[in-house]
Amino acid sequence: MLLFKPYHIPLIQAGEKRETRRMWGEKPRVKLNSVHLIKTKIFTKENFGAVQILSLRWEALLDITDEGAKREGNYTRESYLKLFREIYPDAPENPKLWVIGFTYLEAER
């Protein structure tokens, strides 16, 4: 399972958000090619489909490019950095993050 902010779900489903950055320490919590349900709340059965992990790398936050910000949901580099600070207000200035590339798999009918 991967948790996302509710406003990111439509971006994932539309294929506009294809990456996510996570502060997981030195070990990733996903593996390449694994499939994870996407949710907005941890203790619920409600999900919004699944994603398959296509890439995984470690990168410093300030190394994000405009292309990387676009893969995060059509953000500019500056707007993504601002959003990151809203989500992680206590994060160090330039934390190392796991960058997870994924593709959306539609919800089961």
PDB file of N, CA and C in Angstrom:
ATOM      1  N   MET A   1       0.831  -1.172   0.000  1.00  0.00           N
ATOM      2  CA  MET A   1       0.000   0.000   0.000  1.00  0.00           C
ATOM      3  C   MET A   1       0.883   1.246   0.000  1.00  0.00           C
ATOM      4  N   LEU A   2       0.483   2.239  -0.775  1.00  0.00           N
ATOM      5  CA  LEU A   2       1.117   3.553  -0.767  1.00  0.00           C
ATOM      6  C   LEU A   2       0.037   4.590  -0.475  1.00  0.00           C
ATOM      7  N   LEU A   3       0.328   5.478   0.451  1.00  0.00           N
ATOM      8  CA  LEU A   3      -0.606   6.547   0.784  1.00  0.00           C
ATOM      9  C   LEU A   3      -0.295   7.794  -0.039  1.00  0.00           C
ATOM     10  N   PHE A   4      -1.356   8.455  -0.495  1.00  0.00           N
ATOM     11  CA  PHE A   4      -1.239   9.698  -1.243  1.00  0.00           C
ATOM     12  C   PHE A   4      -2.240  10.701  -0.704  1.00  0.00           C
ATOM     13  N   LYS A   5      -1.946  11.969  -0.890  1.00  0.00           N
ATOM     14  CA  LYS A   5      -2.898  13.018  -0.562  1.00  0.00           C
ATOM     15  C   LYS A   5      -4.096  12.867  -1.512  1.00  0.00           C
ATOM     16  N   PRO A   6      -5.310  13.149  -1.034  1.00  0.00           N
ATOM     17  CA  PRO A   6      -6.496  12.992  -1.893  1.00  0.00           C
ATOM     18  C   PRO A   6      -6.393  13.728  -3.223  1.00  0.00           C
ATOM     19  N   TYR A   7      -5.784  14.917  -3.241  1.00  0.00           N
ATOM     20  CA  TYR A   7      -5.699  15.678  -4.490  1.00  0.00           C
ATOM     21  C   TYR A   7      -4.749  15.044  -5.503  1.00  0.00           C
ATOM     22  N   HIS A   8      -3.939  14.074  -5.072  1.00  0.00           N
ATOM     23  CA  HIS A   8      -3.049  13.399  -6.026  1.00  0.00           C
ATOM     24  C   HIS A   8      -3.718  12.220  -6.733  1.00  0.00           C
ATOM     25  N   ILE A   9      -4.795  11.680  -6.180  1.00  0.00           N
ATOM     26  CA  ILE A   9      -5.442  10.507  -6.775  1.00  0.00           C
ATOM     27  C   ILE A   9      -5.878  10.762  -8.226  1.00  0.00           C
ATOM     28  N   PRO A  10      -6.605  11.853  -8.527  1.00  0.00           N
ATOM     29  CA  PRO A  10      -6.986  12.074  -9.929  1.00  0.00           C
ATOM     30  C   PRO A  10      -5.774  12.251 -10.855  1.00  0.00           C
ATOM     31  N   LEU A  11      -4.696  12.842 -10.342  1.00  0.00           N
ATOM     32  CA  LEU A  11      -3.486  13.004 -11.153  1.00  0.00           C
ATOM     33  C   LEU A  11      -2.848  11.659 -11.461  1.00  0.00           C
ATOM     34  N   ILE A  12      -2.866  10.748 -10.502  1.00  0.00           N
ATOM     35  CA  ILE A  12      -2.333   9.395 -10.723  1.00  0.00           C
ATOM     36  C   ILE A  12      -3.204   8.676 -11.738  1.00  0.00           C
ATOM     37  N   GLN A  13      -4.507   8.721 -11.539  1.00  0.00           N
ATOM     38  CA  GLN A  13      -5.430   8.017 -12.430  1.00  0.00           C
ATOM     39  C   GLN A  13      -5.379   8.553 -13.855  1.00  0.00           C
ATOM     40  N   ALA A  14      -5.063   9.829 -14.018  1.00  0.00           N
ATOM     41  CA  ALA A  14      -4.955  10.432 -15.353  1.00  0.00           C
ATOM     42  C   ALA A  14      -3.568  10.227 -15.971  1.00  0.00           C
ATOM     43  N   GLY A  15      -2.660   9.627 -15.222  1.00  0.00           N
ATOM     44  CA  GLY A  15      -1.308   9.405 -15.735  1.00  0.00           C
ATOM     45  C   GLY A  15      -0.430  10.646 -15.662  1.00  0.00           C
ATOM     46  N   GLU A  16      -0.865  11.677 -14.953  1.00  0.00           N
ATOM     47  CA  GLU A  16      -0.080  12.907 -14.838  1.00  0.00           C
ATOM     48  C   GLU A  16       0.929  12.845 -13.700  1.00  0.00           C
ATOM     49  N   LYS A  17       0.639  12.079 -12.672  1.00  0.00           N
ATOM     50  CA  LYS A  17       1.584  11.864 -11.569  1.00  0.00           C
ATOM     51  C   LYS A  17       2.147  10.462 -11.736  1.00  0.00           C
ATOM     52  N   ARG A  18       3.444  10.403 -12.040  1.00  0.00           N
ATOM     53  CA  ARG A  18       4.104   9.127 -12.322  1.00  0.00           C
ATOM     54  C   ARG A  18       5.291   8.873 -11.406  1.00  0.00           C
ATOM     55  N   GLU A  19       5.524   9.802 -10.465  1.00  0.00           N
ATOM     56  CA  GLU A  19       6.595   9.664  -9.489  1.00  0.00           C
ATOM     57  C   GLU A  19       6.116  10.177  -8.148  1.00  0.00           C
ATOM     58  N   THR A  20       6.745   9.667  -7.103  1.00  0.00           N
ATOM     59  CA  THR A  20       6.527  10.186  -5.763  1.00  0.00           C
ATOM     60  C   THR A  20       7.846  10.144  -5.020  1.00  0.00           C
ATOM     61  N   ARG A  21       8.058  11.101  -4.151  1.00  0.00           N
ATOM     62  CA  ARG A  21       9.277  11.169  -3.342  1.00  0.00           C
ATOM     63  C   ARG A  21       8.908  10.915  -1.897  1.00  0.00           C
ATOM     64  N   ARG A  22       9.683  10.039  -1.254  1.00  0.00           N
ATOM     65  CA  ARG A  22       9.371   9.638   0.112  1.00  0.00           C
ATOM     66  C   ARG A  22      10.592   9.715   1.010  1.00  0.00           C
ATOM     67  N   MET A  23      10.353  10.150   2.244  1.00  0.00           N
ATOM     68  CA  MET A  23      11.403  10.210   3.265  1.00  0.00           C
ATOM     69  C   MET A  23      11.361   8.906   4.063  1.00  0.00           C
ATOM     70  N   TRP A  24      12.002   7.875   3.560  1.00  0.00           N
ATOM     71  CA  TRP A  24      11.957   6.551   4.160  1.00  0.00           C
ATOM     72  C   TRP A  24      13.277   6.143   4.804  1.00  0.00           C
ATOM     73  N   GLY A  25      14.217   7.026   4.920  1.00  0.00           N
ATOM     74  CA  GLY A  25      15.510   6.620   5.449  1.00  0.00           C
ATOM     75  C   GLY A  25      16.319   5.888   4.388  1.00  0.00           C
ATOM     76  N   GLU A  26      17.209   5.031   4.822  1.00  0.00           N
ATOM     77  CA  GLU A  26      18.134   4.398   3.882  1.00  0.00           C
ATOM     78  C   GLU A  26      17.581   3.167   3.173  1.00  0.00           C
ATOM     79  N   LYS A  27      16.432   2.657   3.594  1.00  0.00           N
ATOM     80  CA  LYS A  27      15.848   1.477   2.953  1.00  0.00           C
ATOM     81  C   LYS A  27      14.510   1.827   2.327  1.00  0.00           C
ATOM     82  N   PRO A  28      14.327   1.493   1.053  1.00  0.00           N
ATOM     83  CA  PRO A  28      13.015   1.742   0.443  1.00  0.00           C
ATOM     84  C   PRO A  28      11.977   0.777   0.998  1.00  0.00           C
ATOM     85  N   ARG A  29      10.735   1.162   0.942  1.00  0.00           N
ATOM     86  CA  ARG A  29       9.639   0.321   1.433  1.00  0.00           C
ATOM     87  C   ARG A  29       8.868  -0.353   0.310  1.00  0.00           C
ATOM     88  N   VAL A  30       9.414  -0.259  -0.907  1.00  0.00           N
ATOM     89  CA  VAL A  30       8.840  -0.926  -2.076  1.00  0.00           C
ATOM     90  C   VAL A  30       9.976  -1.586  -2.848  1.00  0.00           C
ATOM     91  N   LYS A  31       9.619  -2.509  -3.722  1.00  0.00           N
ATOM     92  CA  LYS A  31      10.601  -3.175  -4.580  1.00  0.00           C
ATOM     93  C   LYS A  31      10.205  -2.965  -6.033  1.00  0.00           C
ATOM     94  N   LEU A  32      11.205  -3.010  -6.908  1.00  0.00           N
ATOM     95  CA  LEU A  32      10.932  -2.887  -8.338  1.00  0.00           C
ATOM     96  C   LEU A  32       9.927  -3.945  -8.774  1.00  0.00           C
ATOM     97  N   ASN A  33       9.015  -3.543  -9.641  1.00  0.00           N
ATOM     98  CA  ASN A  33       7.974  -4.381 -10.222  1.00  0.00           C
ATOM     99  C   ASN A  33       6.894  -4.807  -9.245  1.00  0.00           C
ATOM    100  N   SER A  34       6.978  -4.415  -7.981  1.00  0.00           N
ATOM    101  CA  SER A  34       5.919  -4.762  -7.036  1.00  0.00           C
ATOM    102  C   SER A  34       4.678  -3.915  -7.323  1.00  0.00           C
ATOM    103  N   VAL A  35       3.538  -4.399  -6.862  1.00  0.00           N
ATOM    104  CA  VAL A  35       2.255  -3.724  -7.069  1.00  0.00           C
ATOM    105  C   VAL A  35       1.696  -3.348  -5.701  1.00  0.00           C
ATOM    106  N   HIS A  36       1.219  -2.101  -5.591  1.00  0.00           N
ATOM    107  CA  HIS A  36       0.711  -1.590  -4.320  1.00  0.00           C
ATOM    108  C   HIS A  36      -0.618  -0.878  -4.520  1.00  0.00           C
ATOM    109  N   LEU A  37      -1.579  -1.165  -3.638  1.00  0.00           N
ATOM    110  CA  LEU A  37      -2.823  -0.410  -3.639  1.00  0.00           C
ATOM    111  C   LEU A  37      -2.513   1.044  -3.297  1.00  0.00           C
ATOM    112  N   ILE A  38      -3.274   1.958  -3.887  1.00  0.00           N
ATOM    113  CA  ILE A  38      -3.126   3.370  -3.519  1.00  0.00           C
ATOM    114  C   ILE A  38      -4.332   3.777  -2.685  1.00  0.00           C
ATOM    115  N   LYS A  39      -4.029   4.435  -1.556  1.00  0.00           N
ATOM    116  CA  LYS A  39      -5.052   4.847  -0.601  1.00  0.00           C
ATOM    117  C   LYS A  39      -4.776   6.264  -0.130  1.00  0.00           C
ATOM    118  N   THR A  40      -5.794   6.851   0.500  1.00  0.00           N
ATOM    119  CA  THR A  40      -5.624   8.157   1.129  1.00  0.00           C
ATOM    120  C   THR A  40      -5.651   8.045   2.653  1.00  0.00           C
ATOM    121  N   LYS A  41      -6.075   6.896   3.168  1.00  0.00           N
ATOM    122  CA  LYS A  41      -6.115   6.644   4.609  1.00  0.00           C
ATOM    123  C   LYS A  41      -5.595   5.240   4.866  1.00  0.00           C
ATOM    124  N   ILE A  42      -4.847   5.101   5.941  1.00  0.00           N
ATOM    125  CA  ILE A  42      -4.190   3.828   6.209  1.00  0.00           C
ATOM    126  C   ILE A  42      -5.154   2.730   6.669  1.00  0.00           C
ATOM    127  N   PHE A  43      -6.082   3.037   7.539  1.00  0.00           N
ATOM    128  CA  PHE A  43      -6.945   2.008   8.117  1.00  0.00           C
ATOM    129  C   PHE A  43      -8.314   1.974   7.458  1.00  0.00           C
ATOM    130  N   THR A  44      -8.320   1.747   6.157  1.00  0.00           N
ATOM    131  CA  THR A  44      -9.563   1.633   5.418  1.00  0.00           C
ATOM    132  C   THR A  44      -9.373   0.623   4.299  1.00  0.00           C
ATOM    133  N   LYS A  45     -10.463   0.010   3.874  1.00  0.00           N
ATOM    134  CA  LYS A  45     -10.404  -0.893   2.732  1.00  0.00           C
ATOM    135  C   LYS A  45     -10.500  -0.131   1.417  1.00  0.00           C
ATOM    136  N   GLU A  46     -10.975   1.117   1.490  1.00  0.00           N
ATOM    137  CA  GLU A  46     -11.137   1.927   0.281  1.00  0.00           C
ATOM    138  C   GLU A  46      -9.791   2.177  -0.379  1.00  0.00           C
ATOM    139  N   ASN A  47      -9.746   1.874  -1.674  1.00  0.00           N
ATOM    140  CA  ASN A  47      -8.534   2.154  -2.437  1.00  0.00           C
ATOM    141  C   ASN A  47      -8.937   2.712  -3.791  1.00  0.00           C
ATOM    142  N   PHE A  48      -7.948   3.225  -4.510  1.00  0.00           N
ATOM    143  CA  PHE A  48      -8.203   3.914  -5.774  1.00  0.00           C
ATOM    144  C   PHE A  48      -7.446   3.266  -6.919  1.00  0.00           C
ATOM    145  N   GLY A  49      -7.311   1.943  -6.835  1.00  0.00           N
ATOM    146  CA  GLY A  49      -6.555   1.215  -7.831  1.00  0.00           C
ATOM    147  C   GLY A  49      -5.206   0.835  -7.258  1.00  0.00           C
ATOM    148  N   ALA A  50      -4.282   0.608  -8.147  1.00  0.00           N
ATOM    149  CA  ALA A  50      -2.951   0.183  -7.721  1.00  0.00           C
ATOM    150  C   ALA A  50      -1.912   0.794  -8.646  1.00  0.00           C
ATOM    151  N   VAL A  51      -0.677   0.757  -8.182  1.00  0.00           N
ATOM    152  CA  VAL A  51       0.446   1.189  -9.002  1.00  0.00           C
ATOM    153  C   VAL A  51       1.493   0.080  -9.019  1.00  0.00           C
ATOM    154  N   GLN A  52       2.180  -0.008 -10.138  1.00  0.00           N
ATOM    155  CA  GLN A  52       3.321  -0.922 -10.256  1.00  0.00           C
ATOM    156  C   GLN A  52       4.587  -0.085 -10.244  1.00  0.00           C
ATOM    157  N   ILE A  53       5.554  -0.497  -9.443  1.00  0.00           N
ATOM    158  CA  ILE A  53       6.796   0.244  -9.291  1.00  0.00           C
ATOM    159  C   ILE A  53       7.710  -0.046 -10.481  1.00  0.00           C
ATOM    160  N   LEU A  54       8.091   1.014 -11.188  1.00  0.00           N
ATOM    161  CA  LEU A  54       8.925   0.888 -12.384  1.00  0.00           C
ATOM    162  C   LEU A  54      10.372   1.310 -12.159  1.00  0.00           C
ATOM    163  N   SER A  55      10.602   2.206 -11.207  1.00  0.00           N
ATOM    164  CA  SER A  55      11.971   2.666 -10.937  1.00  0.00           C
ATOM    165  C   SER A  55      12.076   3.094  -9.482  1.00  0.00           C
ATOM    166  N   LEU A  56      13.313   3.074  -9.003  1.00  0.00           N
ATOM    167  CA  LEU A  56      13.568   3.391  -7.610  1.00  0.00           C
ATOM    168  C   LEU A  56      14.986   3.930  -7.508  1.00  0.00           C
ATOM    169  N   ARG A  57      15.114   5.146  -6.962  1.00  0.00           N
ATOM    170  CA  ARG A  57      16.456   5.717  -6.790  1.00  0.00           C
ATOM    171  C   ARG A  57      16.452   6.666  -5.602  1.00  0.00           C
ATOM    172  N   TRP A  58      17.636   6.954  -5.110  1.00  0.00           N
ATOM    173  CA  TRP A  58      17.819   7.876  -3.987  1.00  0.00           C
ATOM    174  C   TRP A  58      18.319   9.186  -4.542  1.00  0.00           C
ATOM    175  N   GLU A  59      17.719  10.302  -4.122  1.00  0.00           N
ATOM    176  CA  GLU A  59      18.070  11.603  -4.680  1.00  0.00           C
ATOM    177  C   GLU A  59      17.845  12.685  -3.626  1.00  0.00           C
ATOM    178  N   ALA A  60      18.695  13.691  -3.623  1.00  0.00           N
ATOM    179  CA  ALA A  60      18.499  14.831  -2.734  1.00  0.00           C
ATOM    180  C   ALA A  60      17.338  15.680  -3.250  1.00  0.00           C
ATOM    181  N   LEU A  61      16.556  16.216  -2.344  1.00  0.00           N
ATOM    182  CA  LEU A  61      15.384  17.010  -2.719  1.00  0.00           C
ATOM    183  C   LEU A  61      15.724  18.119  -3.702  1.00  0.00           C
ATOM    184  N   LEU A  62      16.783  18.875  -3.433  1.00  0.00           N
ATOM    185  CA  LEU A  62      17.092  20.027  -4.280  1.00  0.00           C
ATOM    186  C   LEU A  62      17.683  19.644  -5.632  1.00  0.00           C
ATOM    187  N   ASP A  63      17.906  18.345  -5.856  1.00  0.00           N
ATOM    188  CA  ASP A  63      18.351  17.872  -7.166  1.00  0.00           C
ATOM    189  C   ASP A  63      17.188  17.651  -8.129  1.00  0.00           C
ATOM    190  N   ILE A  64      15.959  17.848  -7.670  1.00  0.00           N
ATOM    191  CA  ILE A  64      14.813  17.641  -8.560  1.00  0.00           C
ATOM    192  C   ILE A  64      14.894  18.623  -9.732  1.00  0.00           C
ATOM    193  N   THR A  65      14.597  18.138 -10.909  1.00  0.00           N
ATOM    194  CA  THR A  65      14.599  18.954 -12.123  1.00  0.00           C
ATOM    195  C   THR A  65      13.162  19.354 -12.456  1.00  0.00           C
ATOM    196  N   ASP A  66      13.025  20.231 -13.446  1.00  0.00           N
ATOM    197  CA  ASP A  66      11.679  20.560 -13.923  1.00  0.00           C
ATOM    198  C   ASP A  66      10.975  19.315 -14.453  1.00  0.00           C
ATOM    199  N   GLU A  67      11.722  18.423 -15.113  1.00  0.00           N
ATOM    200  CA  GLU A  67      11.129  17.188 -15.631  1.00  0.00           C
ATOM    201  C   GLU A  67      10.659  16.300 -14.493  1.00  0.00           C
ATOM    202  N   GLY A  68      11.467  16.213 -13.421  1.00  0.00           N
ATOM    203  CA  GLY A  68      11.066  15.429 -12.254  1.00  0.00           C
ATOM    204  C   GLY A  68       9.824  16.003 -11.597  1.00  0.00           C
ATOM    205  N   ALA A  69       9.757  17.315 -11.483  1.00  0.00           N
ATOM    206  CA  ALA A  69       8.586  17.964 -10.901  1.00  0.00           C
ATOM    207  C   ALA A  69       7.347  17.720 -11.756  1.00  0.00           C
ATOM    208  N   LYS A  70       7.535  17.684 -13.064  1.00  0.00           N
ATOM    209  CA  LYS A  70       6.406  17.396 -13.955  1.00  0.00           C
ATOM    210  C   LYS A  70       5.894  15.972 -13.728  1.00  0.00           C
ATOM    211  N   ARG A  71       6.808  15.018 -13.544  1.00  0.00           N
ATOM    212  CA  ARG A  71       6.404  13.629 -13.269  1.00  0.00           C
ATOM    213  C   ARG A  71       5.718  13.501 -11.905  1.00  0.00           C
ATOM    214  N   GLU A  72       5.930  14.465 -11.025  1.00  0.00           N
ATOM    215  CA  GLU A  72       5.284  14.471  -9.708  1.00  0.00           C
ATOM    216  C   GLU A  72       3.828  14.932  -9.789  1.00  0.00           C
ATOM    217  N   GLY A  73       3.386  15.380 -10.949  1.00  0.00           N
ATOM    218  CA  GLY A  73       1.989  15.806 -11.098  1.00  0.00           C
ATOM    219  C   GLY A  73       1.835  17.110 -11.824  1.00  0.00           C
ATOM    220  N   ASN A  74       2.705  17.353 -12.807  1.00  0.00           N
ATOM    221  CA  ASN A  74       2.670  18.574 -13.625  1.00  0.00           C
ATOM    222  C   ASN A  74       2.985  19.834 -12.823  1.00  0.00           C
ATOM    223  N   TYR A  75       3.905  19.711 -11.880  1.00  0.00           N
ATOM    224  CA  TYR A  75       4.379  20.872 -11.122  1.00  0.00           C
ATOM    225  C   TYR A  75       5.600  21.465 -11.807  1.00  0.00           C
ATOM    226  N   THR A  76       5.888  22.713 -11.488  1.00  0.00           N
ATOM    227  CA  THR A  76       7.199  23.275 -11.805  1.00  0.00           C
ATOM    228  C   THR A  76       8.122  22.896 -10.649  1.00  0.00           C
ATOM    229  N   ARG A  77       9.402  23.041 -10.839  1.00  0.00           N
ATOM    230  CA  ARG A  77      10.344  22.736  -9.761  1.00  0.00           C
ATOM    231  C   ARG A  77      10.012  23.566  -8.520  1.00  0.00           C
ATOM    232  N   GLU A  78       9.786  24.851  -8.710  1.00  0.00           N
ATOM    233  CA  GLU A  78       9.509  25.743  -7.591  1.00  0.00           C
ATOM    234  C   GLU A  78       8.205  25.383  -6.881  1.00  0.00           C
ATOM    235  N   SER A  79       7.158  25.090  -7.658  1.00  0.00           N
ATOM    236  CA  SER A  79       5.872  24.769  -7.019  1.00  0.00           C
ATOM    237  C   SER A  79       5.940  23.417  -6.312  1.00  0.00           C
ATOM    238  N   TYR A  80       6.723  22.478  -6.852  1.00  0.00           N
ATOM    239  CA  TYR A  80       6.872  21.193  -6.160  1.00  0.00           C
ATOM    240  C   TYR A  80       7.620  21.374  -4.838  1.00  0.00           C
ATOM    241  N   LEU A  81       8.700  22.158  -4.850  1.00  0.00           N
ATOM    242  CA  LEU A  81       9.461  22.378  -3.622  1.00  0.00           C
ATOM    243  C   LEU A  81       8.580  23.036  -2.550  1.00  0.00           C
ATOM    244  N   LYS A  82       7.721  23.957  -2.953  1.00  0.00           N
ATOM    245  CA  LYS A  82       6.797  24.588  -2.012  1.00  0.00           C
ATOM    246  C   LYS A  82       5.819  23.556  -1.449  1.00  0.00           C
ATOM    247  N   LEU A  83       5.265  22.707  -2.316  1.00  0.00           N
ATOM    248  CA  LEU A  83       4.340  21.663  -1.875  1.00  0.00           C
ATOM    249  C   LEU A  83       5.036  20.685  -0.930  1.00  0.00           C
ATOM    250  N   PHE A  84       6.274  20.309  -1.249  1.00  0.00           N
ATOM    251  CA  PHE A  84       7.024  19.394  -0.386  1.00  0.00           C
ATOM    252  C   PHE A  84       7.134  19.971   1.018  1.00  0.00           C
ATOM    253  N   ARG A  85       7.428  21.258   1.120  1.00  0.00           N
ATOM    254  CA  ARG A  85       7.563  21.916   2.427  1.00  0.00           C
ATOM    255  C   ARG A  85       6.232  21.960   3.180  1.00  0.00           C
ATOM    256  N   GLU A  86       5.119  22.026   2.446  1.00  0.00           N
ATOM    257  CA  GLU A  86       3.810  21.980   3.091  1.00  0.00           C
ATOM    258  C   GLU A  86       3.525  20.585   3.650  1.00  0.00           C
ATOM    259  N   ILE A  87       3.931  19.555   2.913  1.00  0.00           N
ATOM    260  CA  ILE A  87       3.698  18.176   3.342  1.00  0.00           C
ATOM    261  C   ILE A  87       4.666  17.780   4.456  1.00  0.00           C
ATOM    262  N   TYR A  88       5.922  18.206   4.348  1.00  0.00           N
ATOM    263  CA  TYR A  88       6.968  17.852   5.313  1.00  0.00           C
ATOM    264  C   TYR A  88       7.580  19.135   5.905  1.00  0.00           C
ATOM    265  N   PRO A  89       6.841  19.851   6.747  1.00  0.00           N
ATOM    266  CA  PRO A  89       7.349  21.134   7.249  1.00  0.00           C
ATOM    267  C   PRO A  89       8.603  21.016   8.116  1.00  0.00           C
ATOM    268  N   ASP A  90       8.834  19.873   8.725  1.00  0.00           N
ATOM    269  CA  ASP A  90       9.986  19.700   9.614  1.00  0.00           C
ATOM    270  C   ASP A  90      11.170  19.012   8.938  1.00  0.00           C
ATOM    271  N   ALA A  91      11.093  18.813   7.623  1.00  0.00           N
ATOM    272  CA  ALA A  91      12.176  18.126   6.902  1.00  0.00           C
ATOM    273  C   ALA A  91      13.426  19.000   6.857  1.00  0.00           C
ATOM    274  N   PRO A  92      14.598  18.368   6.815  1.00  0.00           N
ATOM    275  CA  PRO A  92      15.825  19.147   6.616  1.00  0.00           C
ATOM    276  C   PRO A  92      15.759  19.920   5.295  1.00  0.00           C
ATOM    277  N   GLU A  93      16.673  20.847   5.109  1.00  0.00           N
ATOM    278  CA  GLU A  93      16.652  21.686   3.906  1.00  0.00           C
ATOM    279  C   GLU A  93      16.804  20.872   2.617  1.00  0.00           C
ATOM    280  N   ASN A  94      17.669  19.872   2.627  1.00  0.00           N
ATOM    281  CA  ASN A  94      17.930  19.100   1.414  1.00  0.00           C
ATOM    282  C   ASN A  94      18.012  17.602   1.746  1.00  0.00           C
ATOM    283  N   PRO A  95      16.881  17.008   2.179  1.00  0.00           N
ATOM    284  CA  PRO A  95      16.931  15.595   2.568  1.00  0.00           C
ATOM    285  C   PRO A  95      17.151  14.671   1.384  1.00  0.00           C
ATOM    286  N   LYS A  96      17.721  13.498   1.668  1.00  0.00           N
ATOM    287  CA  LYS A  96      17.797  12.439   0.668  1.00  0.00           C
ATOM    288  C   LYS A  96      16.446  11.734   0.659  1.00  0.00           C
ATOM    289  N   LEU A  97      15.911  11.502  -0.518  1.00  0.00           N
ATOM    290  CA  LEU A  97      14.577  10.930  -0.680  1.00  0.00           C
ATOM    291  C   LEU A  97      14.616   9.731  -1.615  1.00  0.00           C
ATOM    292  N   TRP A  98      13.676   8.835  -1.415  1.00  0.00           N
ATOM    293  CA  TRP A  98      13.462   7.778  -2.394  1.00  0.00           C
ATOM    294  C   TRP A  98      12.533   8.326  -3.466  1.00  0.00           C
ATOM    295  N   VAL A  99      12.952   8.189  -4.708  1.00  0.00           N
ATOM    296  CA  VAL A  99      12.140   8.606  -5.849  1.00  0.00           C
ATOM    297  C   VAL A  99      11.583   7.336  -6.462  1.00  0.00           C
ATOM    298  N   ILE A 100      10.262   7.201  -6.422  1.00  0.00           N
ATOM    299  CA  ILE A 100       9.592   5.995  -6.878  1.00  0.00           C
ATOM    300  C   ILE A 100       8.829   6.311  -8.150  1.00  0.00           C
ATOM    301  N   GLY A 101       9.233   5.690  -9.251  1.00  0.00           N
ATOM    302  CA  GLY A 101       8.510   5.824 -10.507  1.00  0.00           C
ATOM    303  C   GLY A 101       7.496   4.701 -10.612  1.00  0.00           C
ATOM    304  N   PHE A 102       6.300   5.019 -11.091  1.00  0.00           N
ATOM    305  CA  PHE A 102       5.251   4.003 -11.134  1.00  0.00           C
ATOM    306  C   PHE A 102       4.319   4.224 -12.313  1.00  0.00           C
ATOM    307  N   THR A 103       3.530   3.205 -12.581  1.00  0.00           N
ATOM    308  CA  THR A 103       2.450   3.311 -13.547  1.00  0.00           C
ATOM    309  C   THR A 103       1.161   2.905 -12.856  1.00  0.00           C
ATOM    310  N   TYR A 104       0.084   3.559 -13.218  1.00  0.00           N
ATOM    311  CA  TYR A 104      -1.220   3.298 -12.607  1.00  0.00           C
ATOM    312  C   TYR A 104      -1.853   2.056 -13.212  1.00  0.00           C
ATOM    313  N   LEU A 105      -2.383   1.211 -12.361  1.00  0.00           N
ATOM    314  CA  LEU A 105      -3.170   0.048 -12.778  1.00  0.00           C
ATOM    315  C   LEU A 105      -4.601   0.307 -12.344  1.00  0.00           C
ATOM    316  N   GLU A 106      -5.532   0.219 -13.247  1.00  0.00           N
ATOM    317  CA  GLU A 106      -6.916   0.563 -12.926  1.00  0.00           C
ATOM    318  C   GLU A 106      -7.448  -0.303 -11.811  1.00  0.00           C
ATOM    319  N   ALA A 107      -8.395   0.250 -11.082  1.00  0.00           N
ATOM    320  CA  ALA A 107      -9.058  -0.473  -9.999  1.00  0.00           C
ATOM    321  C   ALA A 107      -9.822  -1.655 -10.559  1.00  0.00           C
ATOM    322  N   GLU A 108      -9.900  -2.729  -9.778  1.00  0.00           N
ATOM    323  CA  GLU A 108     -10.702  -3.882 -10.202  1.00  0.00           C
ATOM    324  C   GLU A 108     -12.162  -3.506 -10.185  1.00  0.00           C
ATOM    325  N   ARG A 109     -12.875  -3.987 -11.145  1.00  0.00           N
ATOM    326  CA  ARG A 109     -14.317  -3.695 -11.260  1.00  0.00           C
ATOM    327  C   ARG A 109     -15.131  -4.738 -10.523  1.00  0.00           C
TER     328      ARG A 109
END
